[in-house]
Amino acid sequence: KVITRLHHARRETQGDCLVATLEDYALAYHLAARPMARSVHTI
């Protein structure tokens, strides 16, 4: 959601809400996938 708000000038809206895209997921994935896996597995 933070990434969606960062790119709000390029995002569609639904009512008063911004709509996240696959791009936002991919950007978050490449930064957080490894730390999140570490956290869950305690490594």
PDB file of all heavy atoms in Angstrom:
ATOM      1  N   LYS A   1       0.824  -1.207   0.000  1.00  0.00           N
ATOM      2  CA  LYS A   1       0.000   0.000   0.000  1.00  0.00           C
ATOM      3  C   LYS A   1       0.861   1.261   0.000  1.00  0.00           C
ATOM      4  O   LYS A   1       0.513   2.258  -0.655  1.00  0.00           O
ATOM      5  CB  LYS A   1      -0.922  -0.013   1.221  1.00  0.00           C
ATOM      6  CG  LYS A   1      -1.985  -1.088   1.177  1.00  0.00           C
ATOM      7  CD  LYS A   1      -2.808  -1.099   2.457  1.00  0.00           C
ATOM      8  CE  LYS A   1      -3.856  -2.198   2.440  1.00  0.00           C
ATOM      9  NZ  LYS A   1      -4.655  -2.218   3.691  1.00  0.00           N
ATOM     10  N   VAL A   2       1.966   1.249   0.737  1.00  0.00           N
ATOM     11  CA  VAL A   2       2.869   2.407   0.746  1.00  0.00           C
ATOM     12  C   VAL A   2       3.406   2.659  -0.661  1.00  0.00           C
ATOM     13  O   VAL A   2       3.486   3.806  -1.123  1.00  0.00           O
ATOM     14  CB  VAL A   2       4.031   2.187   1.740  1.00  0.00           C
ATOM     15  CG1 VAL A   2       5.114   3.246   1.551  1.00  0.00           C
ATOM     16  CG2 VAL A   2       3.519   2.224   3.176  1.00  0.00           C
ATOM     17  N   ILE A   3       3.773   1.586  -1.363  1.00  0.00           N
ATOM     18  CA  ILE A   3       4.285   1.728  -2.728  1.00  0.00           C
ATOM     19  C   ILE A   3       3.199   2.276  -3.646  1.00  0.00           C
ATOM     20  O   ILE A   3       3.460   3.114  -4.520  1.00  0.00           O
ATOM     21  CB  ILE A   3       4.816   0.374  -3.238  1.00  0.00           C
ATOM     22  CG1 ILE A   3       6.048  -0.043  -2.416  1.00  0.00           C
ATOM     23  CG2 ILE A   3       5.174   0.449  -4.717  1.00  0.00           C
ATOM     24  CD1 ILE A   3       6.516  -1.457  -2.689  1.00  0.00           C
ATOM     25  N   THR A   4       1.963   1.829  -3.453  1.00  0.00           N
ATOM     26  CA  THR A   4       0.853   2.349  -4.251  1.00  0.00           C
ATOM     27  C   THR A   4       0.692   3.848  -4.021  1.00  0.00           C
ATOM     28  O   THR A   4       0.501   4.619  -4.970  1.00  0.00           O
ATOM     29  CB  THR A   4      -0.458   1.632  -3.885  1.00  0.00           C
ATOM     30  OG1 THR A   4      -0.294   0.223  -4.085  1.00  0.00           O
ATOM     31  CG2 THR A   4      -1.613   2.128  -4.745  1.00  0.00           C
ATOM     32  N   ARG A   5       0.769   4.275  -2.758  1.00  0.00           N
ATOM     33  CA  ARG A   5       0.648   5.709  -2.459  1.00  0.00           C
ATOM     34  C   ARG A   5       1.822   6.489  -3.045  1.00  0.00           C
ATOM     35  O   ARG A   5       1.656   7.620  -3.507  1.00  0.00           O
ATOM     36  CB  ARG A   5       0.575   5.923  -0.947  1.00  0.00           C
ATOM     37  CG  ARG A   5      -0.718   5.413  -0.320  1.00  0.00           C
ATOM     38  CD  ARG A   5      -0.845   5.868   1.132  1.00  0.00           C
ATOM     39  NE  ARG A   5      -2.084   5.375   1.721  1.00  0.00           N
ATOM     40  CZ  ARG A   5      -2.171   4.323   2.521  1.00  0.00           C
ATOM     41  NH1 ARG A   5      -1.068   3.643   2.822  1.00  0.00           N
ATOM     42  NH2 ARG A   5      -3.331   3.929   3.008  1.00  0.00           N
ATOM     43  N   LEU A   6       3.014   5.895  -3.016  1.00  0.00           N
ATOM     44  CA  LEU A   6       4.175   6.566  -3.611  1.00  0.00           C
ATOM     45  C   LEU A   6       3.932   6.843  -5.090  1.00  0.00           C
ATOM     46  O   LEU A   6       4.288   7.911  -5.600  1.00  0.00           O
ATOM     47  CB  LEU A   6       5.415   5.681  -3.458  1.00  0.00           C
ATOM     48  CG  LEU A   6       6.346   5.921  -2.273  1.00  0.00           C
ATOM     49  CD1 LEU A   6       7.478   4.905  -2.296  1.00  0.00           C
ATOM     50  CD2 LEU A   6       6.899   7.330  -2.280  1.00  0.00           C
ATOM     51  N   HIS A   7       3.338   5.894  -5.774  1.00  0.00           N
ATOM     52  CA  HIS A   7       3.099   6.010  -7.221  1.00  0.00           C
ATOM     53  C   HIS A   7       1.668   6.469  -7.517  1.00  0.00           C
ATOM     54  O   HIS A   7       1.129   6.157  -8.582  1.00  0.00           O
ATOM     55  CB  HIS A   7       3.346   4.657  -7.896  1.00  0.00           C
ATOM     56  CG  HIS A   7       4.778   4.226  -7.888  1.00  0.00           C
ATOM     57  ND1 HIS A   7       5.700   4.655  -8.810  1.00  0.00           N
ATOM     58  CD2 HIS A   7       5.461   3.411  -7.053  1.00  0.00           C
ATOM     59  CE1 HIS A   7       6.873   4.112  -8.556  1.00  0.00           C
ATOM     60  NE2 HIS A   7       6.757   3.350  -7.488  1.00  0.00           N
ATOM     61  N   HIS A   8       1.076   7.228  -6.598  1.00  0.00           N
ATOM     62  CA  HIS A   8      -0.342   7.552  -6.756  1.00  0.00           C
ATOM     63  C   HIS A   8      -0.636   8.336  -8.038  1.00  0.00           C
ATOM     64  O   HIS A   8      -1.742   8.270  -8.566  1.00  0.00           O
ATOM     65  CB  HIS A   8      -0.844   8.349  -5.544  1.00  0.00           C
ATOM     66  CG  HIS A   8      -0.244   9.710  -5.420  1.00  0.00           C
ATOM     67  ND1 HIS A   8       0.945   9.933  -4.758  1.00  0.00           N
ATOM     68  CD2 HIS A   8      -0.654  10.918  -5.873  1.00  0.00           C
ATOM     69  CE1 HIS A   8       1.221  11.223  -4.804  1.00  0.00           C
ATOM     70  NE2 HIS A   8       0.278  11.841  -5.476  1.00  0.00           N
ATOM     71  N   ALA A   9       0.368   9.044  -8.569  1.00  0.00           N
ATOM     72  CA  ALA A   9       0.142   9.791  -9.804  1.00  0.00           C
ATOM     73  C   ALA A   9      -0.038   8.854 -10.998  1.00  0.00           C
ATOM     74  O   ALA A   9      -0.504   9.279 -12.056  1.00  0.00           O
ATOM     75  CB  ALA A   9       1.310  10.744 -10.068  1.00  0.00           C
ATOM     76  N   ARG A  10       0.296   7.560 -10.821  1.00  0.00           N
ATOM     77  CA  ARG A  10       0.188   6.586 -11.910  1.00  0.00           C
ATOM     78  C   ARG A  10      -0.797   5.467 -11.588  1.00  0.00           C
ATOM     79  O   ARG A  10      -0.804   4.440 -12.237  1.00  0.00           O
ATOM     80  CB  ARG A  10       1.564   5.974 -12.199  1.00  0.00           C
ATOM     81  CG  ARG A  10       2.633   6.970 -12.559  1.00  0.00           C
ATOM     82  CD  ARG A  10       4.026   6.328 -12.604  1.00  0.00           C
ATOM     83  NE  ARG A  10       4.053   5.107 -13.361  1.00  0.00           N
ATOM     84  CZ  ARG A  10       4.400   3.927 -12.855  1.00  0.00           C
ATOM     85  NH1 ARG A  10       4.735   3.804 -11.584  1.00  0.00           N
ATOM     86  NH2 ARG A  10       4.402   2.855 -13.616  1.00  0.00           N
ATOM     87  N   ARG A  11      -1.598   5.645 -10.535  1.00  0.00           N
ATOM     88  CA  ARG A  11      -2.507   4.575 -10.123  1.00  0.00           C
ATOM     89  C   ARG A  11      -3.960   4.958 -10.356  1.00  0.00           C
ATOM     90  O   ARG A  11      -4.345   6.118 -10.221  1.00  0.00           O
ATOM     91  CB  ARG A  11      -2.295   4.244  -8.633  1.00  0.00           C
ATOM     92  CG  ARG A  11      -0.934   3.633  -8.326  1.00  0.00           C
ATOM     93  CD  ARG A  11      -0.798   2.264  -8.967  1.00  0.00           C
ATOM     94  NE  ARG A  11       0.547   1.711  -8.746  1.00  0.00           N
ATOM     95  CZ  ARG A  11       1.532   1.791  -9.620  1.00  0.00           C
ATOM     96  NH1 ARG A  11       1.330   2.415 -10.790  1.00  0.00           N
ATOM     97  NH2 ARG A  11       2.710   1.260  -9.361  1.00  0.00           N
ATOM     98  N   GLU A  12      -4.770   3.958 -10.684  1.00  0.00           N
ATOM     99  CA  GLU A  12      -6.202   4.144 -10.858  1.00  0.00           C
ATOM    100  C   GLU A  12      -6.889   4.219  -9.499  1.00  0.00           C
ATOM    101  O   GLU A  12      -6.333   3.790  -8.479  1.00  0.00           O
ATOM    102  CB  GLU A  12      -6.781   2.984 -11.665  1.00  0.00           C
ATOM    103  CG  GLU A  12      -6.390   3.010 -13.131  1.00  0.00           C
ATOM    104  CD  GLU A  12      -6.986   4.202 -13.856  1.00  0.00           C
ATOM    105  OE1 GLU A  12      -8.221   4.347 -13.848  1.00  0.00           O
ATOM    106  OE2 GLU A  12      -6.219   4.996 -14.419  1.00  0.00           O
ATOM    107  N   THR A  13      -8.088   4.764  -9.491  1.00  0.00           N
ATOM    108  CA  THR A  13      -8.864   4.842  -8.259  1.00  0.00           C
ATOM    109  C   THR A  13     -10.160   4.060  -8.411  1.00  0.00           C
ATOM    110  O   THR A  13     -10.656   3.843  -9.520  1.00  0.00           O
ATOM    111  CB  THR A  13      -9.199   6.299  -7.899  1.00  0.00           C
ATOM    112  OG1 THR A  13      -9.946   6.884  -8.976  1.00  0.00           O
ATOM    113  CG2 THR A  13      -7.947   7.093  -7.637  1.00  0.00           C
ATOM    114  N   GLN A  14     -10.694   3.629  -7.282  1.00  0.00           N
ATOM    115  CA  GLN A  14     -12.001   2.992  -7.226  1.00  0.00           C
ATOM    116  C   GLN A  14     -12.773   3.690  -6.118  1.00  0.00           C
ATOM    117  O   GLN A  14     -12.525   3.463  -4.939  1.00  0.00           O
ATOM    118  CB  GLN A  14     -11.851   1.498  -6.927  1.00  0.00           C
ATOM    119  CG  GLN A  14     -13.167   0.734  -6.957  1.00  0.00           C
ATOM    120  CD  GLN A  14     -12.943  -0.757  -6.804  1.00  0.00           C
ATOM    121  OE1 GLN A  14     -12.028  -1.324  -7.393  1.00  0.00           O
ATOM    122  NE2 GLN A  14     -13.757  -1.395  -5.984  1.00  0.00           N
ATOM    123  N   GLY A  15     -13.638   4.585  -6.497  1.00  0.00           N
ATOM    124  CA  GLY A  15     -14.264   5.451  -5.506  1.00  0.00           C
ATOM    125  C   GLY A  15     -13.221   6.408  -4.951  1.00  0.00           C
ATOM    126  O   GLY A  15     -12.537   7.107  -5.700  1.00  0.00           O
ATOM    127  N   ASP A  16     -13.082   6.429  -3.645  1.00  0.00           N
ATOM    128  CA  ASP A  16     -12.066   7.270  -3.004  1.00  0.00           C
ATOM    129  C   ASP A  16     -10.785   6.496  -2.717  1.00  0.00           C
ATOM    130  O   ASP A  16      -9.885   7.009  -2.033  1.00  0.00           O
ATOM    131  CB  ASP A  16     -12.614   7.838  -1.683  1.00  0.00           C
ATOM    132  CG  ASP A  16     -13.762   8.799  -1.913  1.00  0.00           C
ATOM    133  OD1 ASP A  16     -13.777   9.446  -2.981  1.00  0.00           O
ATOM    134  OD2 ASP A  16     -14.644   8.894  -1.034  1.00  0.00           O
ATOM    135  N   CYS A  17     -10.670   5.275  -3.199  1.00  0.00           N
ATOM    136  CA  CYS A  17      -9.532   4.414  -2.869  1.00  0.00           C
ATOM    137  C   CYS A  17      -8.590   4.276  -4.067  1.00  0.00           C
ATOM    138  O   CYS A  17      -9.028   4.243  -5.220  1.00  0.00           O
ATOM    139  CB  CYS A  17     -10.004   3.027  -2.448  1.00  0.00           C
ATOM    140  SG  CYS A  17     -11.090   3.024  -1.005  1.00  0.00           S
ATOM    141  N   LEU A  18      -7.301   4.181  -3.767  1.00  0.00           N
ATOM    142  CA  LEU A  18      -6.305   3.818  -4.770  1.00  0.00           C
ATOM    143  C   LEU A  18      -6.311   2.310  -4.943  1.00  0.00           C
ATOM    144  O   LEU A  18      -6.609   1.569  -4.001  1.00  0.00           O
ATOM    145  CB  LEU A  18      -4.921   4.284  -4.334  1.00  0.00           C
ATOM    146  CG  LEU A  18      -4.656   5.792  -4.319  1.00  0.00           C
ATOM    147  CD1 LEU A  18      -3.411   6.105  -3.510  1.00  0.00           C
ATOM    148  CD2 LEU A  18      -4.497   6.313  -5.738  1.00  0.00           C
ATOM    149  N   VAL A  19      -5.945   1.843  -6.126  1.00  0.00           N
ATOM    150  CA  VAL A  19      -5.944   0.405  -6.411  1.00  0.00           C
ATOM    151  C   VAL A  19      -4.507  -0.050  -6.650  1.00  0.00           C
ATOM    152  O   VAL A  19      -3.822   0.455  -7.543  1.00  0.00           O
ATOM    153  CB  VAL A  19      -6.817   0.073  -7.633  1.00  0.00           C
ATOM    154  CG1 VAL A  19      -6.809  -1.438  -7.893  1.00  0.00           C
ATOM    155  CG2 VAL A  19      -8.249   0.556  -7.408  1.00  0.00           C
ATOM    156  N   ALA A  20      -4.047  -0.991  -5.828  1.00  0.00           N
ATOM    157  CA  ALA A  20      -2.695  -1.530  -5.971  1.00  0.00           C
ATOM    158  C   ALA A  20      -2.605  -2.391  -7.230  1.00  0.00           C
ATOM    159  O   ALA A  20      -3.594  -2.998  -7.667  1.00  0.00           O
ATOM    160  CB  ALA A  20      -2.326  -2.347  -4.743  1.00  0.00           C
ATOM    161  N   THR A  21      -1.396  -2.455  -7.810  1.00  0.00           N
ATOM    162  CA  THR A  21      -1.173  -3.215  -9.033  1.00  0.00           C
ATOM    163  C   THR A  21      -0.137  -4.304  -8.806  1.00  0.00           C
ATOM    164  O   THR A  21       0.531  -4.350  -7.766  1.00  0.00           O
ATOM    165  CB  THR A  21      -0.670  -2.291 -10.156  1.00  0.00           C
ATOM    166  OG1 THR A  21       0.634  -1.806  -9.795  1.00  0.00           O
ATOM    167  CG2 THR A  21      -1.607  -1.108 -10.359  1.00  0.00           C
ATOM    168  N   LEU A  22       0.021  -5.159  -9.811  1.00  0.00           N
ATOM    169  CA  LEU A  22       1.067  -6.177  -9.746  1.00  0.00           C
ATOM    170  C   LEU A  22       2.453  -5.557  -9.642  1.00  0.00           C
ATOM    171  O   LEU A  22       3.368  -6.143  -9.059  1.00  0.00           O
ATOM    172  CB  LEU A  22       0.992  -7.069 -10.990  1.00  0.00           C
ATOM    173  CG  LEU A  22      -0.032  -8.204 -10.959  1.00  0.00           C
ATOM    174  CD1 LEU A  22      -0.064  -8.911 -12.302  1.00  0.00           C
ATOM    175  CD2 LEU A  22       0.281  -9.177  -9.850  1.00  0.00           C
ATOM    176  N   GLU A  23       2.623  -4.381 -10.221  1.00  0.00           N
ATOM    177  CA  GLU A  23       3.910  -3.680 -10.100  1.00  0.00           C
ATOM    178  C   GLU A  23       4.217  -3.408  -8.631  1.00  0.00           C
ATOM    179  O   GLU A  23       5.355  -3.602  -8.184  1.00  0.00           O
ATOM    180  CB  GLU A  23       3.870  -2.362 -10.876  1.00  0.00           C
ATOM    181  CG  GLU A  23       5.148  -1.542 -10.729  1.00  0.00           C
ATOM    182  CD  GLU A  23       5.046  -0.179 -11.364  1.00  0.00           C
ATOM    183  OE1 GLU A  23       3.970   0.163 -11.892  1.00  0.00           O
ATOM    184  OE2 GLU A  23       6.051   0.557 -11.323  1.00  0.00           O
ATOM    185  N   ASP A  24       3.215  -2.960  -7.870  1.00  0.00           N
ATOM    186  CA  ASP A  24       3.425  -2.677  -6.454  1.00  0.00           C
ATOM    187  C   ASP A  24       3.809  -3.945  -5.704  1.00  0.00           C
ATOM    188  O   ASP A  24       4.678  -3.922  -4.825  1.00  0.00           O
ATOM    189  CB  ASP A  24       2.157  -2.064  -5.841  1.00  0.00           C
ATOM    190  CG  ASP A  24       1.739  -0.793  -6.546  1.00  0.00           C
ATOM    191  OD1 ASP A  24       2.635  -0.027  -6.957  1.00  0.00           O
ATOM    192  OD2 ASP A  24       0.525  -0.568  -6.712  1.00  0.00           O
ATOM    193  N   TYR A  25       3.157  -5.064  -6.048  1.00  0.00           N
ATOM    194  CA  TYR A  25       3.502  -6.334  -5.402  1.00  0.00           C
ATOM    195  C   TYR A  25       4.947  -6.718  -5.722  1.00  0.00           C
ATOM    196  O   TYR A  25       5.697  -7.141  -4.833  1.00  0.00           O
ATOM    197  CB  TYR A  25       2.568  -7.456  -5.867  1.00  0.00           C
ATOM    198  CG  TYR A  25       2.952  -8.797  -5.297  1.00  0.00           C
ATOM    199  CD1 TYR A  25       2.529  -9.176  -4.032  1.00  0.00           C
ATOM    200  CD2 TYR A  25       3.766  -9.670  -6.017  1.00  0.00           C
ATOM    201  CE1 TYR A  25       2.900 -10.392  -3.492  1.00  0.00           C
ATOM    202  CE2 TYR A  25       4.150 -10.887  -5.485  1.00  0.00           C
ATOM    203  CZ  TYR A  25       3.714 -11.258  -4.220  1.00  0.00           C
ATOM    204  OH  TYR A  25       4.105 -12.458  -3.689  1.00  0.00           O
ATOM    205  N   ALA A  26       5.330  -6.588  -6.994  1.00  0.00           N
ATOM    206  CA  ALA A  26       6.680  -6.985  -7.404  1.00  0.00           C
ATOM    207  C   ALA A  26       7.739  -6.147  -6.698  1.00  0.00           C
ATOM    208  O   ALA A  26       8.770  -6.667  -6.246  1.00  0.00           O
ATOM    209  CB  ALA A  26       6.819  -6.861  -8.923  1.00  0.00           C
ATOM    210  N   LEU A  27       7.515  -4.839  -6.603  1.00  0.00           N
ATOM    211  CA  LEU A  27       8.486  -3.964  -5.926  1.00  0.00           C
ATOM    212  C   LEU A  27       8.623  -4.347  -4.456  1.00  0.00           C
ATOM    213  O   LEU A  27       9.734  -4.424  -3.926  1.00  0.00           O
ATOM    214  CB  LEU A  27       8.050  -2.509  -6.058  1.00  0.00           C
ATOM    215  CG  LEU A  27       8.070  -1.926  -7.478  1.00  0.00           C
ATOM    216  CD1 LEU A  27       7.475  -0.517  -7.487  1.00  0.00           C
ATOM    217  CD2 LEU A  27       9.488  -1.892  -8.033  1.00  0.00           C
ATOM    218  N   ALA A  28       7.497  -4.591  -3.791  1.00  0.00           N
ATOM    219  CA  ALA A  28       7.545  -5.004  -2.388  1.00  0.00           C
ATOM    220  C   ALA A  28       8.217  -6.368  -2.252  1.00  0.00           C
ATOM    221  O   ALA A  28       8.991  -6.600  -1.317  1.00  0.00           O
ATOM    222  CB  ALA A  28       6.135  -5.044  -1.799  1.00  0.00           C
ATOM    223  N   TYR A  29       7.947  -7.264  -3.185  1.00  0.00           N
ATOM    224  CA  TYR A  29       8.519  -8.610  -3.132  1.00  0.00           C
ATOM    225  C   TYR A  29      10.045  -8.574  -3.160  1.00  0.00           C
ATOM    226  O   TYR A  29      10.713  -9.250  -2.372  1.00  0.00           O
ATOM    227  CB  TYR A  29       7.996  -9.443  -4.307  1.00  0.00           C
ATOM    228  CG  TYR A  29       8.604 -10.824  -4.396  1.00  0.00           C
ATOM    229  CD1 TYR A  29       8.023 -11.890  -3.722  1.00  0.00           C
ATOM    230  CD2 TYR A  29       9.755 -11.060  -5.139  1.00  0.00           C
ATOM    231  CE1 TYR A  29       8.583 -13.160  -3.788  1.00  0.00           C
ATOM    232  CE2 TYR A  29      10.320 -12.318  -5.211  1.00  0.00           C
ATOM    233  CZ  TYR A  29       9.736 -13.368  -4.531  1.00  0.00           C
ATOM    234  OH  TYR A  29      10.304 -14.613  -4.590  1.00  0.00           O
ATOM    235  N   HIS A  30      10.606  -7.799  -4.078  1.00  0.00           N
ATOM    236  CA  HIS A  30      12.063  -7.794  -4.232  1.00  0.00           C
ATOM    237  C   HIS A  30      12.777  -7.144  -3.049  1.00  0.00           C
ATOM    238  O   HIS A  30      13.987  -7.304  -2.896  1.00  0.00           O
ATOM    239  CB  HIS A  30      12.452  -7.089  -5.533  1.00  0.00           C
ATOM    240  CG  HIS A  30      12.152  -7.903  -6.752  1.00  0.00           C
ATOM    241  ND1 HIS A  30      12.756  -9.110  -7.009  1.00  0.00           N
ATOM    242  CD2 HIS A  30      11.279  -7.700  -7.770  1.00  0.00           C
ATOM    243  CE1 HIS A  30      12.288  -9.603  -8.139  1.00  0.00           C
ATOM    244  NE2 HIS A  30      11.389  -8.769  -8.625  1.00  0.00           N
ATOM    245  N   LEU A  31      12.042  -6.422  -2.212  1.00  0.00           N
ATOM    246  CA  LEU A  31      12.644  -5.836  -1.010  1.00  0.00           C
ATOM    247  C   LEU A  31      12.322  -6.632   0.251  1.00  0.00           C
ATOM    248  O   LEU A  31      13.141  -6.686   1.168  1.00  0.00           O
ATOM    249  CB  LEU A  31      12.172  -4.389  -0.834  1.00  0.00           C
ATOM    250  CG  LEU A  31      12.643  -3.397  -1.889  1.00  0.00           C
ATOM    251  CD1 LEU A  31      12.009  -2.036  -1.655  1.00  0.00           C
ATOM    252  CD2 LEU A  31      14.167  -3.272  -1.881  1.00  0.00           C
ATOM    253  N   ALA A  32      11.144  -7.257   0.303  1.00  0.00           N
ATOM    254  CA  ALA A  32      10.683  -7.827   1.573  1.00  0.00           C
ATOM    255  C   ALA A  32      10.562  -9.345   1.581  1.00  0.00           C
ATOM    256  O   ALA A  32      10.397  -9.913   2.663  1.00  0.00           O
ATOM    257  CB  ALA A  32       9.328  -7.222   1.939  1.00  0.00           C
ATOM    258  N   ALA A  33      10.623 -10.017   0.445  1.00  0.00           N
ATOM    259  CA  ALA A  33      10.419 -11.470   0.436  1.00  0.00           C
ATOM    260  C   ALA A  33      11.452 -12.181   1.296  1.00  0.00           C
ATOM    261  O   ALA A  33      11.115 -13.074   2.082  1.00  0.00           O
ATOM    262  CB  ALA A  33      10.484 -12.001  -1.002  1.00  0.00           C
ATOM    263  N   ARG A  34      12.719 -11.795   1.152  1.00  0.00           N
ATOM    264  CA  ARG A  34      13.770 -12.450   1.924  1.00  0.00           C
ATOM    265  C   ARG A  34      13.649 -12.140   3.419  1.00  0.00           C
ATOM    266  O   ARG A  34      13.644 -13.055   4.246  1.00  0.00           O
ATOM    267  CB  ARG A  34      15.135 -12.027   1.374  1.00  0.00           C
ATOM    268  CG  ARG A  34      16.261 -12.884   1.883  1.00  0.00           C
ATOM    269  CD  ARG A  34      17.647 -12.357   1.512  1.00  0.00           C
ATOM    270  NE  ARG A  34      17.691 -11.534   0.347  1.00  0.00           N
ATOM    271  CZ  ARG A  34      18.314 -11.854  -0.783  1.00  0.00           C
ATOM    272  NH1 ARG A  34      18.872 -13.026  -0.898  1.00  0.00           N
ATOM    273  NH2 ARG A  34      18.369 -11.001  -1.777  1.00  0.00           N
ATOM    274  N   PRO A  35      13.535 -10.848   3.829  1.00  0.00           N
ATOM    275  CA  PRO A  35      13.373 -10.558   5.259  1.00  0.00           C
ATOM    276  C   PRO A  35      12.140 -11.213   5.873  1.00  0.00           C
ATOM    277  O   PRO A  35      12.168 -11.651   7.026  1.00  0.00           O
ATOM    278  CB  PRO A  35      13.259  -9.031   5.292  1.00  0.00           C
ATOM    279  CG  PRO A  35      13.989  -8.573   4.092  1.00  0.00           C
ATOM    280  CD  PRO A  35      13.699  -9.613   3.045  1.00  0.00           C
ATOM    281  N   MET A  36      11.039 -11.294   5.098  1.00  0.00           N
ATOM    282  CA  MET A  36       9.824 -11.897   5.638  1.00  0.00           C
ATOM    283  C   MET A  36      10.009 -13.401   5.831  1.00  0.00           C
ATOM    284  O   MET A  36       9.564 -13.967   6.836  1.00  0.00           O
ATOM    285  CB  MET A  36       8.650 -11.615   4.710  1.00  0.00           C
ATOM    286  CG  MET A  36       7.312 -11.929   5.337  1.00  0.00           C
ATOM    287  SD  MET A  36       5.979 -11.170   4.394  1.00  0.00           S
ATOM    288  CE  MET A  36       4.574 -12.059   5.063  1.00  0.00           C
ATOM    289  N   ALA A  37      10.662 -14.065   4.887  1.00  0.00           N
ATOM    290  CA  ALA A  37      10.931 -15.499   5.044  1.00  0.00           C
ATOM    291  C   ALA A  37      11.845 -15.740   6.241  1.00  0.00           C
ATOM    292  O   ALA A  37      11.658 -16.700   7.001  1.00  0.00           O
ATOM    293  CB  ALA A  37      11.561 -16.056   3.770  1.00  0.00           C
ATOM    294  N   ARG A  38      12.838 -14.863   6.419  1.00  0.00           N
ATOM    295  CA  ARG A  38      13.722 -14.987   7.588  1.00  0.00           C
ATOM    296  C   ARG A  38      12.925 -14.868   8.881  1.00  0.00           C
ATOM    297  O   ARG A  38      13.143 -15.624   9.839  1.00  0.00           O
ATOM    298  CB  ARG A  38      14.780 -13.894   7.563  1.00  0.00           C
ATOM    299  CG  ARG A  38      15.853 -14.031   6.513  1.00  0.00           C
ATOM    300  CD  ARG A  38      16.670 -12.758   6.484  1.00  0.00           C
ATOM    301  NE  ARG A  38      17.699 -12.779   5.464  1.00  0.00           N
ATOM    302  CZ  ARG A  38      18.290 -11.675   4.999  1.00  0.00           C
ATOM    303  NH1 ARG A  38      17.929 -10.493   5.457  1.00  0.00           N
ATOM    304  NH2 ARG A  38      19.226 -11.761   4.089  1.00  0.00           N
ATOM    305  N   SER A  39      12.009 -13.900   8.919  1.00  0.00           N
ATOM    306  CA  SER A  39      11.240 -13.669  10.136  1.00  0.00           C
ATOM    307  C   SER A  39      10.389 -14.881  10.486  1.00  0.00           C
ATOM    308  O   SER A  39      10.363 -15.338  11.629  1.00  0.00           O
ATOM    309  CB  SER A  39      10.355 -12.435   9.967  1.00  0.00           C
ATOM    310  OG  SER A  39      11.132 -11.264   9.828  1.00  0.00           O
ATOM    311  N   VAL A  40       9.677 -15.414   9.492  1.00  0.00           N
ATOM    312  CA  VAL A  40       8.774 -16.529   9.744  1.00  0.00           C
ATOM    313  C   VAL A  40       9.547 -17.779  10.152  1.00  0.00           C
ATOM    314  O   VAL A  40       9.117 -18.530  11.038  1.00  0.00           O
ATOM    315  CB  VAL A  40       7.908 -16.801   8.503  1.00  0.00           C
ATOM    316  CG1 VAL A  40       7.129 -18.095   8.646  1.00  0.00           C
ATOM    317  CG2 VAL A  40       6.948 -15.637   8.274  1.00  0.00           C
ATOM    318  N   HIS A  41      10.703 -18.008   9.524  1.00  0.00           N
ATOM    319  CA  HIS A  41      11.501 -19.199   9.821  1.00  0.00           C
ATOM    320  C   HIS A  41      12.512 -18.959  10.950  1.00  0.00           C
ATOM    321  O   HIS A  41      13.244 -19.884  11.320  1.00  0.00           O
ATOM    322  CB  HIS A  41      12.245 -19.662   8.566  1.00  0.00           C
ATOM    323  CG  HIS A  41      11.345 -20.239   7.515  1.00  0.00           C
ATOM    324  ND1 HIS A  41      10.881 -21.534   7.549  1.00  0.00           N
ATOM    325  CD2 HIS A  41      10.811 -19.684   6.393  1.00  0.00           C
ATOM    326  CE1 HIS A  41      10.118 -21.760   6.498  1.00  0.00           C
ATOM    327  NE2 HIS A  41      10.059 -20.660   5.775  1.00  0.00           N
ATOM    328  N   THR A  42      12.573 -17.744  11.483  1.00  0.00           N
ATOM    329  CA  THR A  42      13.493 -17.379  12.569  1.00  0.00           C
ATOM    330  C   THR A  42      14.935 -17.692  12.192  1.00  0.00           C
ATOM    331  O   THR A  42      15.662 -18.389  12.906  1.00  0.00           O
ATOM    332  CB  THR A  42      13.138 -18.109  13.884  1.00  0.00           C
ATOM    333  OG1 THR A  42      11.723 -18.208  14.004  1.00  0.00           O
ATOM    334  CG2 THR A  42      13.689 -17.351  15.075  1.00  0.00           C
ATOM    335  N   ILE A  43      15.354 -17.200  11.037  1.00  0.00           N
ATOM    336  CA  ILE A  43      16.718 -17.432  10.590  1.00  0.00           C
ATOM    337  C   ILE A  43      17.366 -16.102  10.215  1.00  0.00           C
ATOM    338  O   ILE A  43      16.701 -15.082  10.087  1.00  0.00           O
ATOM    339  CB  ILE A  43      16.786 -18.376   9.370  1.00  0.00           C
ATOM    340  CG1 ILE A  43      16.007 -17.750   8.199  1.00  0.00           C
ATOM    341  CG2 ILE A  43      16.279 -19.747   9.709  1.00  0.00           C
ATOM    342  CD1 ILE A  43      16.281 -18.420   6.871  1.00  0.00           C
TER     343      ILE A  43
END
